[in-house]
């Protein structure tokens, strides 16, 4: 019997926006490739004094910056793309938009 090669798995990692309004950001990771869908933000709750914006924790992406292949923004609302410029300044990725 020939041993089967282990199959690679697609990892889906929601960094924000799951079960909440805003902060939409999902990471799709397969082997050594990462695709990101959305870079959203949320606005603070009333009790969050002194906070202007709430963004997802991108520590995992910063540690795996060499695996990132691209970012897909699903639409132009702040909950899905409002964090993009902050993210861009940290990672310095090229931006391309389609009309």
PDB file of N, CA and C in Angstrom:
ATOM      1  N   UNK A   1       0.840  -1.177   0.000  1.00  0.00           N
ATOM      2  CA  UNK A   1       0.000   0.000   0.000  1.00  0.00           C
ATOM      3  C   UNK A   1       0.888   1.244   0.000  1.00  0.00           C
ATOM      4  N   UNK A   2       0.577   2.184  -0.880  1.00  0.00           N
ATOM      5  CA  UNK A   2       1.337   3.429  -0.998  1.00  0.00           C
ATOM      6  C   UNK A   2       0.779   4.448  -0.002  1.00  0.00           C
ATOM      7  N   UNK A   3       1.665   5.034   0.835  1.00  0.00           N
ATOM      8  CA  UNK A   3       1.152   6.040   1.779  1.00  0.00           C
ATOM      9  C   UNK A   3       0.656   7.277   1.039  1.00  0.00           C
ATOM     10  N   UNK A   4      -0.455   7.820   1.532  1.00  0.00           N
ATOM     11  CA  UNK A   4      -1.022   9.009   0.904  1.00  0.00           C
ATOM     12  C   UNK A   4      -0.300  10.260   1.377  1.00  0.00           C
ATOM     13  N   UNK A   5      -0.112  11.149   0.454  1.00  0.00           N
ATOM     14  CA  UNK A   5       0.491  12.435   0.778  1.00  0.00           C
ATOM     15  C   UNK A   5      -0.554  13.279   1.520  1.00  0.00           C
ATOM     16  N   UNK A   6      -0.118  13.934   2.580  1.00  0.00           N
ATOM     17  CA  UNK A   6      -1.045  14.779   3.340  1.00  0.00           C
ATOM     18  C   UNK A   6      -1.539  15.921   2.455  1.00  0.00           C
ATOM     19  N   UNK A   7      -2.843  16.136   2.478  1.00  0.00           N
ATOM     20  CA  UNK A   7      -3.425  17.211   1.680  1.00  0.00           C
ATOM     21  C   UNK A   7      -3.280  18.533   2.420  1.00  0.00           C
ATOM     22  N   UNK A   8      -2.963  19.573   1.669  1.00  0.00           N
ATOM     23  CA  UNK A   8      -2.913  20.902   2.254  1.00  0.00           C
ATOM     24  C   UNK A   8      -4.332  21.361   2.565  1.00  0.00           C
ATOM     25  N   UNK A   9      -4.461  22.174   3.591  1.00  0.00           N
ATOM     26  CA  UNK A   9      -5.778  22.654   3.995  1.00  0.00           C
ATOM     27  C   UNK A   9      -5.872  24.153   3.822  1.00  0.00           C
ATOM     28  N   UNK A  10      -7.037  24.583   3.424  1.00  0.00           N
ATOM     29  CA  UNK A  10      -7.333  26.001   3.346  1.00  0.00           C
ATOM     30  C   UNK A  10      -7.736  26.464   4.740  1.00  0.00           C
ATOM     31  N   UNK A  11      -7.042  27.465   5.230  1.00  0.00           N
ATOM     32  CA  UNK A  11      -7.374  28.051   6.528  1.00  0.00           C
ATOM     33  C   UNK A  11      -8.116  29.358   6.289  1.00  0.00           C
ATOM     34  N   UNK A  12      -9.250  29.519   6.928  1.00  0.00           N
ATOM     35  CA  UNK A  12     -10.034  30.750   6.851  1.00  0.00           C
ATOM     36  C   UNK A  12      -9.991  31.374   8.237  1.00  0.00           C
ATOM     37  N   UNK A  13      -9.398  32.577   8.309  1.00  0.00           N
ATOM     38  CA  UNK A  13      -9.162  33.224   9.588  1.00  0.00           C
ATOM     39  C   UNK A  13      -9.866  34.577   9.610  1.00  0.00           C
ATOM     40  N   UNK A  14     -11.010  34.678  10.294  1.00  0.00           N
ATOM     41  CA  UNK A  14     -11.664  35.982  10.393  1.00  0.00           C
ATOM     42  C   UNK A  14     -10.954  36.845  11.441  1.00  0.00           C
ATOM     43  N   UNK A  15     -10.420  37.977  11.015  1.00  0.00           N
ATOM     44  CA  UNK A  15      -9.757  38.883  11.953  1.00  0.00           C
ATOM     45  C   UNK A  15     -10.723  39.930  12.485  1.00  0.00           C
ATOM     46  N   UNK A  16     -11.869  40.037  11.887  1.00  0.00           N
ATOM     47  CA  UNK A  16     -12.879  40.977  12.338  1.00  0.00           C
ATOM     48  C   UNK A  16     -14.123  40.841  11.492  1.00  0.00           C
ATOM     49  N   UNK A  17     -15.212  41.399  11.983  1.00  0.00           N
ATOM     50  CA  UNK A  17     -16.451  41.410  11.223  1.00  0.00           C
ATOM     51  C   UNK A  17     -17.326  40.196  11.396  1.00  0.00           C
ATOM     52  N   UNK A  18     -16.883  39.205  12.125  1.00  0.00           N
ATOM     53  CA  UNK A  18     -17.674  37.998  12.336  1.00  0.00           C
ATOM     54  C   UNK A  18     -18.512  38.187  13.599  1.00  0.00           C
ATOM     55  N   UNK A  19     -19.816  38.256  13.439  1.00  0.00           N
ATOM     56  CA  UNK A  19     -20.692  38.460  14.586  1.00  0.00           C
ATOM     57  C   UNK A  19     -20.722  39.895  15.086  1.00  0.00           C
ATOM     58  N   UNK A  20     -20.271  40.822  14.266  1.00  0.00           N
ATOM     59  CA  UNK A  20     -20.278  42.232  14.646  1.00  0.00           C
ATOM     60  C   UNK A  20     -20.463  43.078  13.399  1.00  0.00           C
ATOM     61  N   UNK A  21     -20.780  44.333  13.590  1.00  0.00           N
ATOM     62  CA  UNK A  21     -20.921  45.241  12.461  1.00  0.00           C
ATOM     63  C   UNK A  21     -19.624  46.016  12.332  1.00  0.00           C
ATOM     64  N   UNK A  22     -19.003  45.931  11.164  1.00  0.00           N
ATOM     65  CA  UNK A  22     -17.744  46.624  10.925  1.00  0.00           C
ATOM     66  C   UNK A  22     -16.540  45.734  11.138  1.00  0.00           C
ATOM     67  N   UNK A  23     -15.359  46.292  10.930  1.00  0.00           N
ATOM     68  CA  UNK A  23     -14.070  45.604  11.072  1.00  0.00           C
ATOM     69  C   UNK A  23     -13.955  44.371  10.189  1.00  0.00           C
ATOM     70  N   UNK A  24     -14.625  44.351   9.052  1.00  0.00           N
ATOM     71  CA  UNK A  24     -14.585  43.173   8.186  1.00  0.00           C
ATOM     72  C   UNK A  24     -13.172  42.940   7.667  1.00  0.00           C
ATOM     73  N   UNK A  25     -12.634  41.768   7.965  1.00  0.00           N
ATOM     74  CA  UNK A  25     -11.319  41.379   7.455  1.00  0.00           C
ATOM     75  C   UNK A  25     -11.182  39.870   7.632  1.00  0.00           C
ATOM     76  N   UNK A  26     -10.999  39.179   6.510  1.00  0.00           N
ATOM     77  CA  UNK A  26     -10.866  37.723   6.535  1.00  0.00           C
ATOM     78  C   UNK A  26      -9.604  37.327   5.771  1.00  0.00           C
ATOM     79  N   UNK A  27      -8.863  36.398   6.346  1.00  0.00           N
ATOM     80  CA  UNK A  27      -7.627  35.895   5.747  1.00  0.00           C
ATOM     81  C   UNK A  27      -7.884  34.485   5.229  1.00  0.00           C
ATOM     82  N   UNK A  28      -7.506  34.242   3.988  1.00  0.00           N
ATOM     83  CA  UNK A  28      -7.553  32.907   3.401  1.00  0.00           C
ATOM     84  C   UNK A  28      -6.113  32.472   3.194  1.00  0.00           C
ATOM     85  N   UNK A  29      -5.727  31.400   3.867  1.00  0.00           N
ATOM     86  CA  UNK A  29      -4.335  30.936   3.810  1.00  0.00           C
ATOM     87  C   UNK A  29      -4.303  29.507   3.287  1.00  0.00           C
ATOM     88  N   UNK A  30      -3.493  29.304   2.253  1.00  0.00           N
ATOM     89  CA  UNK A  30      -3.306  27.976   1.676  1.00  0.00           C
ATOM     90  C   UNK A  30      -1.817  27.780   1.442  1.00  0.00           C
ATOM     91  N   UNK A  31      -1.249  26.813   2.123  1.00  0.00           N
ATOM     92  CA  UNK A  31       0.187  26.543   2.092  1.00  0.00           C
ATOM     93  C   UNK A  31       0.953  27.829   2.423  1.00  0.00           C
ATOM     94  N   UNK A  32       1.712  28.378   1.488  1.00  0.00           N
ATOM     95  CA  UNK A  32       2.500  29.586   1.767  1.00  0.00           C
ATOM     96  C   UNK A  32       1.912  30.839   1.121  1.00  0.00           C
ATOM     97  N   UNK A  33       0.618  30.851   0.900  1.00  0.00           N
ATOM     98  CA  UNK A  33      -0.041  31.986   0.262  1.00  0.00           C
ATOM     99  C   UNK A  33      -1.175  32.499   1.138  1.00  0.00           C
ATOM    100  N   UNK A  34      -1.255  33.817   1.239  1.00  0.00           N
ATOM    101  CA  UNK A  34      -2.335  34.462   1.981  1.00  0.00           C
ATOM    102  C   UNK A  34      -3.024  35.466   1.071  1.00  0.00           C
ATOM    103  N   UNK A  35      -4.343  35.397   1.030  1.00  0.00           N
ATOM    104  CA  UNK A  35      -5.182  36.408   0.385  1.00  0.00           C
ATOM    105  C   UNK A  35      -6.064  37.015   1.469  1.00  0.00           C
ATOM    106  N   UNK A  36      -6.228  38.308   1.399  1.00  0.00           N
ATOM    107  CA  UNK A  36      -7.020  39.018   2.393  1.00  0.00           C
ATOM    108  C   UNK A  36      -8.260  39.565   1.699  1.00  0.00           C
ATOM    109  N   UNK A  37      -9.404  39.394   2.333  1.00  0.00           N
ATOM    110  CA  UNK A  37     -10.640  39.966   1.821  1.00  0.00           C
ATOM    111  C   UNK A  37     -11.100  41.029   2.810  1.00  0.00           C
ATOM    112  N   UNK A  38     -11.121  42.256   2.332  1.00  0.00           N
ATOM    113  CA  UNK A  38     -11.557  43.445   3.064  1.00  0.00           C
ATOM    114  C   UNK A  38     -10.576  43.897   4.142  1.00  0.00           C
ATOM    115  N   UNK A  39     -10.602  45.170   4.396  1.00  0.00           N
ATOM    116  CA  UNK A  39      -9.776  45.818   5.433  1.00  0.00           C
ATOM    117  C   UNK A  39     -10.648  46.859   6.109  1.00  0.00           C
ATOM    118  N   UNK A  40     -11.654  46.395   6.807  1.00  0.00           N
ATOM    119  CA  UNK A  40     -12.641  47.301   7.363  1.00  0.00           C
ATOM    120  C   UNK A  40     -12.294  47.859   8.730  1.00  0.00           C
ATOM    121  N   UNK A  41     -13.097  48.806   9.144  1.00  0.00           N
ATOM    122  CA  UNK A  41     -12.965  49.390  10.470  1.00  0.00           C
ATOM    123  C   UNK A  41     -14.351  49.528  11.076  1.00  0.00           C
ATOM    124  N   UNK A  42     -14.367  49.850  12.336  1.00  0.00           N
ATOM    125  CA  UNK A  42     -15.624  50.111  13.034  1.00  0.00           C
ATOM    126  C   UNK A  42     -15.457  51.416  13.796  1.00  0.00           C
ATOM    127  N   UNK A  43     -16.559  52.005  14.140  1.00  0.00           N
ATOM    128  CA  UNK A  43     -16.520  53.216  14.940  1.00  0.00           C
ATOM    129  C   UNK A  43     -16.710  52.842  16.402  1.00  0.00           C
ATOM    130  N   UNK A  44     -16.080  53.574  17.312  1.00  0.00           N
ATOM    131  CA  UNK A  44     -16.124  53.205  18.721  1.00  0.00           C
ATOM    132  C   UNK A  44     -17.524  53.328  19.322  1.00  0.00           C
ATOM    133  N   UNK A  45     -17.744  52.527  20.349  1.00  0.00           N
ATOM    134  CA  UNK A  45     -18.975  52.622  21.130  1.00  0.00           C
ATOM    135  C   UNK A  45     -18.892  53.873  22.009  1.00  0.00           C
ATOM    136  N   UNK A  46     -19.996  54.286  22.550  1.00  0.00           N
ATOM    137  CA  UNK A  46     -20.033  55.504  23.376  1.00  0.00           C
ATOM    138  C   UNK A  46     -19.075  55.449  24.556  1.00  0.00           C
ATOM    139  N   UNK A  47     -18.880  54.269  25.121  1.00  0.00           N
ATOM    140  CA  UNK A  47     -18.014  54.143  26.299  1.00  0.00           C
ATOM    141  C   UNK A  47     -16.521  54.090  25.969  1.00  0.00           C
ATOM    142  N   UNK A  48     -16.170  54.115  24.697  1.00  0.00           N
ATOM    143  CA  UNK A  48     -14.764  54.060  24.274  1.00  0.00           C
ATOM    144  C   UNK A  48     -14.213  55.472  24.095  1.00  0.00           C
ATOM    145  N   UNK A  49     -14.152  56.210  25.153  1.00  0.00           N
ATOM    146  CA  UNK A  49     -13.714  57.602  25.096  1.00  0.00           C
ATOM    147  C   UNK A  49     -12.268  57.708  24.620  1.00  0.00           C
ATOM    148  N   UNK A  50     -12.002  58.660  23.727  1.00  0.00           N
ATOM    149  CA  UNK A  50     -10.653  58.882  23.224  1.00  0.00           C
ATOM    150  C   UNK A  50     -10.247  57.987  22.067  1.00  0.00           C
ATOM    151  N   UNK A  51     -11.114  57.088  21.651  1.00  0.00           N
ATOM    152  CA  UNK A  51     -10.816  56.177  20.543  1.00  0.00           C
ATOM    153  C   UNK A  51     -11.540  56.682  19.307  1.00  0.00           C
ATOM    154  N   UNK A  52     -10.801  56.849  18.213  1.00  0.00           N
ATOM    155  CA  UNK A  52     -11.402  57.353  16.984  1.00  0.00           C
ATOM    156  C   UNK A  52     -11.896  56.238  16.064  1.00  0.00           C
ATOM    157  N   UNK A  53     -11.104  55.166  15.939  1.00  0.00           N
ATOM    158  CA  UNK A  53     -11.437  54.054  15.049  1.00  0.00           C
ATOM    159  C   UNK A  53     -11.076  52.734  15.719  1.00  0.00           C
ATOM    160  N   UNK A  54     -11.820  51.701  15.393  1.00  0.00           N
ATOM    161  CA  UNK A  54     -11.526  50.356  15.881  1.00  0.00           C
ATOM    162  C   UNK A  54     -11.161  49.522  14.663  1.00  0.00           C
ATOM    163  N   UNK A  55      -9.953  48.948  14.680  1.00  0.00           N
ATOM    164  CA  UNK A  55      -9.474  48.165  13.534  1.00  0.00           C
ATOM    165  C   UNK A  55      -9.115  46.753  13.990  1.00  0.00           C
ATOM    166  N   UNK A  56      -9.109  45.796  13.057  1.00  0.00           N
ATOM    167  CA  UNK A  56      -8.737  44.425  13.411  1.00  0.00           C
ATOM    168  C   UNK A  56      -7.271  44.328  13.840  1.00  0.00           C
ATOM    169  N   UNK A  57      -6.971  43.327  14.630  1.00  0.00           N
ATOM    170  CA  UNK A  57      -5.592  43.046  15.041  1.00  0.00           C
ATOM    171  C   UNK A  57      -4.889  42.338  13.887  1.00  0.00           C
ATOM    172  N   UNK A  58      -3.865  42.981  13.307  1.00  0.00           N
ATOM    173  CA  UNK A  58      -3.173  42.412  12.144  1.00  0.00           C
ATOM    174  C   UNK A  58      -1.808  41.833  12.515  1.00  0.00           C
ATOM    175  N   UNK A  59      -1.600  41.506  13.771  1.00  0.00           N
ATOM    176  CA  UNK A  59      -0.328  40.941  14.224  1.00  0.00           C
ATOM    177  C   UNK A  59       0.039  39.700  13.418  1.00  0.00           C
ATOM    178  N   UNK A  60      -0.916  38.814  13.185  1.00  0.00           N
ATOM    179  CA  UNK A  60      -0.654  37.582  12.426  1.00  0.00           C
ATOM    180  C   UNK A  60      -0.158  37.914  11.022  1.00  0.00           C
ATOM    181  N   UNK A  61      -0.761  38.920  10.401  1.00  0.00           N
ATOM    182  CA  UNK A  61      -0.349  39.300   9.044  1.00  0.00           C
ATOM    183  C   UNK A  61       1.034  39.930   9.036  1.00  0.00           C
ATOM    184  N   UNK A  62       1.350  40.702  10.043  1.00  0.00           N
ATOM    185  CA  UNK A  62       2.675  41.318  10.122  1.00  0.00           C
ATOM    186  C   UNK A  62       3.757  40.243  10.260  1.00  0.00           C
ATOM    187  N   UNK A  63       3.444  39.167  10.985  1.00  0.00           N
ATOM    188  CA  UNK A  63       4.397  38.068  11.156  1.00  0.00           C
ATOM    189  C   UNK A  63       4.530  37.228   9.887  1.00  0.00           C
ATOM    190  N   UNK A  64       3.528  37.284   9.019  1.00  0.00           N
ATOM    191  CA  UNK A  64       3.511  36.474   7.797  1.00  0.00           C
ATOM    192  C   UNK A  64       3.455  37.345   6.554  1.00  0.00           C
ATOM    193  N   UNK A  65       4.082  38.480   6.602  1.00  0.00           N
ATOM    194  CA  UNK A  65       4.003  39.470   5.521  1.00  0.00           C
ATOM    195  C   UNK A  65       4.477  38.908   4.177  1.00  0.00           C
ATOM    196  N   UNK A  66       5.439  38.005   4.186  1.00  0.00           N
ATOM    197  CA  UNK A  66       5.963  37.449   2.933  1.00  0.00           C
ATOM    198  C   UNK A  66       5.000  36.491   2.245  1.00  0.00           C
ATOM    199  N   UNK A  67       3.981  36.048   2.946  1.00  0.00           N
ATOM    200  CA  UNK A  67       2.995  35.135   2.366  1.00  0.00           C
ATOM    201  C   UNK A  67       1.841  35.869   1.692  1.00  0.00           C
ATOM    202  N   UNK A  68       1.691  37.164   1.962  1.00  0.00           N
ATOM    203  CA  UNK A  68       0.546  37.912   1.440  1.00  0.00           C
ATOM    204  C   UNK A  68       0.692  38.108  -0.065  1.00  0.00           C
ATOM    205  N   UNK A  69      -0.325  37.659  -0.802  1.00  0.00           N
ATOM    206  CA  UNK A  69      -0.306  37.755  -2.260  1.00  0.00           C
ATOM    207  C   UNK A  69      -1.216  38.871  -2.776  1.00  0.00           C
ATOM    208  N   UNK A  70      -2.202  39.251  -1.975  1.00  0.00           N
ATOM    209  CA  UNK A  70      -3.086  40.311  -2.430  1.00  0.00           C
ATOM    210  C   UNK A  70      -4.205  40.586  -1.451  1.00  0.00           C
ATOM    211  N   UNK A  71      -4.902  41.690  -1.737  1.00  0.00           N
ATOM    212  CA  UNK A  71      -6.027  42.124  -0.916  1.00  0.00           C
ATOM    213  C   UNK A  71      -7.200  42.392  -1.853  1.00  0.00           C
ATOM    214  N   UNK A  72      -8.360  41.861  -1.505  1.00  0.00           N
ATOM    215  CA  UNK A  72      -9.575  42.082  -2.274  1.00  0.00           C
ATOM    216  C   UNK A  72     -10.518  42.916  -1.415  1.00  0.00           C
ATOM    217  N   UNK A  73     -10.941  44.064  -1.953  1.00  0.00           N
ATOM    218  CA  UNK A  73     -11.930  44.890  -1.266  1.00  0.00           C
ATOM    219  C   UNK A  73     -13.267  44.675  -1.960  1.00  0.00           C
ATOM    220  N   UNK A  74     -14.251  44.215  -1.204  1.00  0.00           N
ATOM    221  CA  UNK A  74     -15.524  43.850  -1.823  1.00  0.00           C
ATOM    222  C   UNK A  74     -16.360  45.058  -2.223  1.00  0.00           C
ATOM    223  N   UNK A  75     -16.235  46.148  -1.482  1.00  0.00           N
ATOM    224  CA  UNK A  75     -16.900  47.398  -1.859  1.00  0.00           C
ATOM    225  C   UNK A  75     -16.306  48.539  -1.039  1.00  0.00           C
ATOM    226  N   UNK A  76     -16.743  49.755  -1.282  1.00  0.00           N
ATOM    227  CA  UNK A  76     -16.076  50.928  -0.740  1.00  0.00           C
ATOM    228  C   UNK A  76     -16.607  51.484   0.562  1.00  0.00           C
ATOM    229  N   UNK A  77     -17.390  50.751   1.302  1.00  0.00           N
ATOM    230  CA  UNK A  77     -17.881  51.257   2.589  1.00  0.00           C
ATOM    231  C   UNK A  77     -16.809  51.111   3.663  1.00  0.00           C
ATOM    232  N   UNK A  78     -16.892  51.940   4.693  1.00  0.00           N
ATOM    233  CA  UNK A  78     -15.870  51.936   5.741  1.00  0.00           C
ATOM    234  C   UNK A  78     -15.769  50.604   6.479  1.00  0.00           C
ATOM    235  N   UNK A  79     -16.884  49.869   6.587  1.00  0.00           N
ATOM    236  CA  UNK A  79     -16.841  48.593   7.312  1.00  0.00           C
ATOM    237  C   UNK A  79     -16.023  47.536   6.577  1.00  0.00           C
ATOM    238  N   UNK A  80     -15.769  47.749   5.275  1.00  0.00           N
ATOM    239  CA  UNK A  80     -14.998  46.769   4.511  1.00  0.00           C
ATOM    240  C   UNK A  80     -13.673  47.305   3.975  1.00  0.00           C
ATOM    241  N   UNK A  81     -13.556  48.604   3.775  1.00  0.00           N
ATOM    242  CA  UNK A  81     -12.313  49.123   3.204  1.00  0.00           C
ATOM    243  C   UNK A  81     -11.751  50.337   3.939  1.00  0.00           C
ATOM    244  N   UNK A  82     -12.363  50.749   5.014  1.00  0.00           N
ATOM    245  CA  UNK A  82     -11.927  51.944   5.721  1.00  0.00           C
ATOM    246  C   UNK A  82     -10.565  51.838   6.372  1.00  0.00           C
ATOM    247  N   UNK A  83     -10.104  50.633   6.623  1.00  0.00           N
ATOM    248  CA  UNK A  83      -8.821  50.387   7.285  1.00  0.00           C
ATOM    249  C   UNK A  83      -7.696  50.217   6.273  1.00  0.00           C
ATOM    250  N   UNK A  84      -8.020  50.228   4.976  1.00  0.00           N
ATOM    251  CA  UNK A  84      -7.019  49.900   3.969  1.00  0.00           C
ATOM    252  C   UNK A  84      -5.804  50.821   4.012  1.00  0.00           C
ATOM    253  N   UNK A  85      -5.992  52.115   4.135  1.00  0.00           N
ATOM    254  CA  UNK A  85      -4.846  53.029   4.110  1.00  0.00           C
ATOM    255  C   UNK A  85      -3.935  52.838   5.319  1.00  0.00           C
ATOM    256  N   UNK A  86      -4.507  52.543   6.463  1.00  0.00           N
ATOM    257  CA  UNK A  86      -3.689  52.249   7.650  1.00  0.00           C
ATOM    258  C   UNK A  86      -2.894  50.975   7.399  1.00  0.00           C
ATOM    259  N   UNK A  87      -3.552  49.963   6.873  1.00  0.00           N
ATOM    260  CA  UNK A  87      -2.926  48.681   6.555  1.00  0.00           C
ATOM    261  C   UNK A  87      -1.834  48.874   5.506  1.00  0.00           C
ATOM    262  N   UNK A  88      -2.121  49.664   4.487  1.00  0.00           N
ATOM    263  CA  UNK A  88      -1.168  49.928   3.406  1.00  0.00           C
ATOM    264  C   UNK A  88       0.111  50.568   3.942  1.00  0.00           C
ATOM    265  N   UNK A  89      -0.031  51.530   4.839  1.00  0.00           N
ATOM    266  CA  UNK A  89       1.141  52.216   5.389  1.00  0.00           C
ATOM    267  C   UNK A  89       2.045  51.259   6.165  1.00  0.00           C
ATOM    268  N   UNK A  90       1.458  50.217   6.769  1.00  0.00           N
ATOM    269  CA  UNK A  90       2.256  49.237   7.506  1.00  0.00           C
ATOM    270  C   UNK A  90       2.912  48.224   6.586  1.00  0.00           C
ATOM    271  N   UNK A  91       2.241  47.855   5.500  1.00  0.00           N
ATOM    272  CA  UNK A  91       2.736  46.786   4.629  1.00  0.00           C
ATOM    273  C   UNK A  91       3.270  47.273   3.294  1.00  0.00           C
ATOM    274  N   UNK A  92       2.899  48.479   2.876  1.00  0.00           N
ATOM    275  CA  UNK A  92       3.363  49.074   1.622  1.00  0.00           C
ATOM    276  C   UNK A  92       3.093  48.172   0.411  1.00  0.00           C
ATOM    277  N   UNK A  93       1.840  47.788   0.234  1.00  0.00           N
ATOM    278  CA  UNK A  93       1.443  46.987  -0.908  1.00  0.00           C
ATOM    279  C   UNK A  93       0.895  47.869  -2.013  1.00  0.00           C
ATOM    280  N   UNK A  94       1.047  47.405  -3.238  1.00  0.00           N
ATOM    281  CA  UNK A  94       0.481  48.105  -4.370  1.00  0.00           C
ATOM    282  C   UNK A  94      -1.035  48.009  -4.336  1.00  0.00           C
ATOM    283  N   UNK A  95      -1.685  49.041  -4.800  1.00  0.00           N
ATOM    284  CA  UNK A  95      -3.143  49.052  -4.808  1.00  0.00           C
ATOM    285  C   UNK A  95      -3.634  49.146  -6.236  1.00  0.00           C
ATOM    286  N   UNK A  96      -4.582  48.298  -6.578  1.00  0.00           N
ATOM    287  CA  UNK A  96      -5.185  48.334  -7.900  1.00  0.00           C
ATOM    288  C   UNK A  96      -6.684  48.223  -7.719  1.00  0.00           C
ATOM    289  N   UNK A  97      -7.426  49.076  -8.377  1.00  0.00           N
ATOM    290  CA  UNK A  97      -8.881  49.042  -8.272  1.00  0.00           C
ATOM    291  C   UNK A  97      -9.492  48.875  -9.653  1.00  0.00           C
ATOM    292  N   UNK A  98     -10.602  48.206  -9.691  1.00  0.00           N
ATOM    293  CA  UNK A  98     -11.351  48.036 -10.934  1.00  0.00           C
ATOM    294  C   UNK A  98     -12.684  48.759 -10.801  1.00  0.00           C
ATOM    295  N   UNK A  99     -13.125  49.332 -11.862  1.00  0.00           N
ATOM    296  CA  UNK A  99     -14.378  50.070 -11.831  1.00  0.00           C
ATOM    297  C   UNK A  99     -15.521  49.184 -12.278  1.00  0.00           C
TER     298      UNK A  99
END
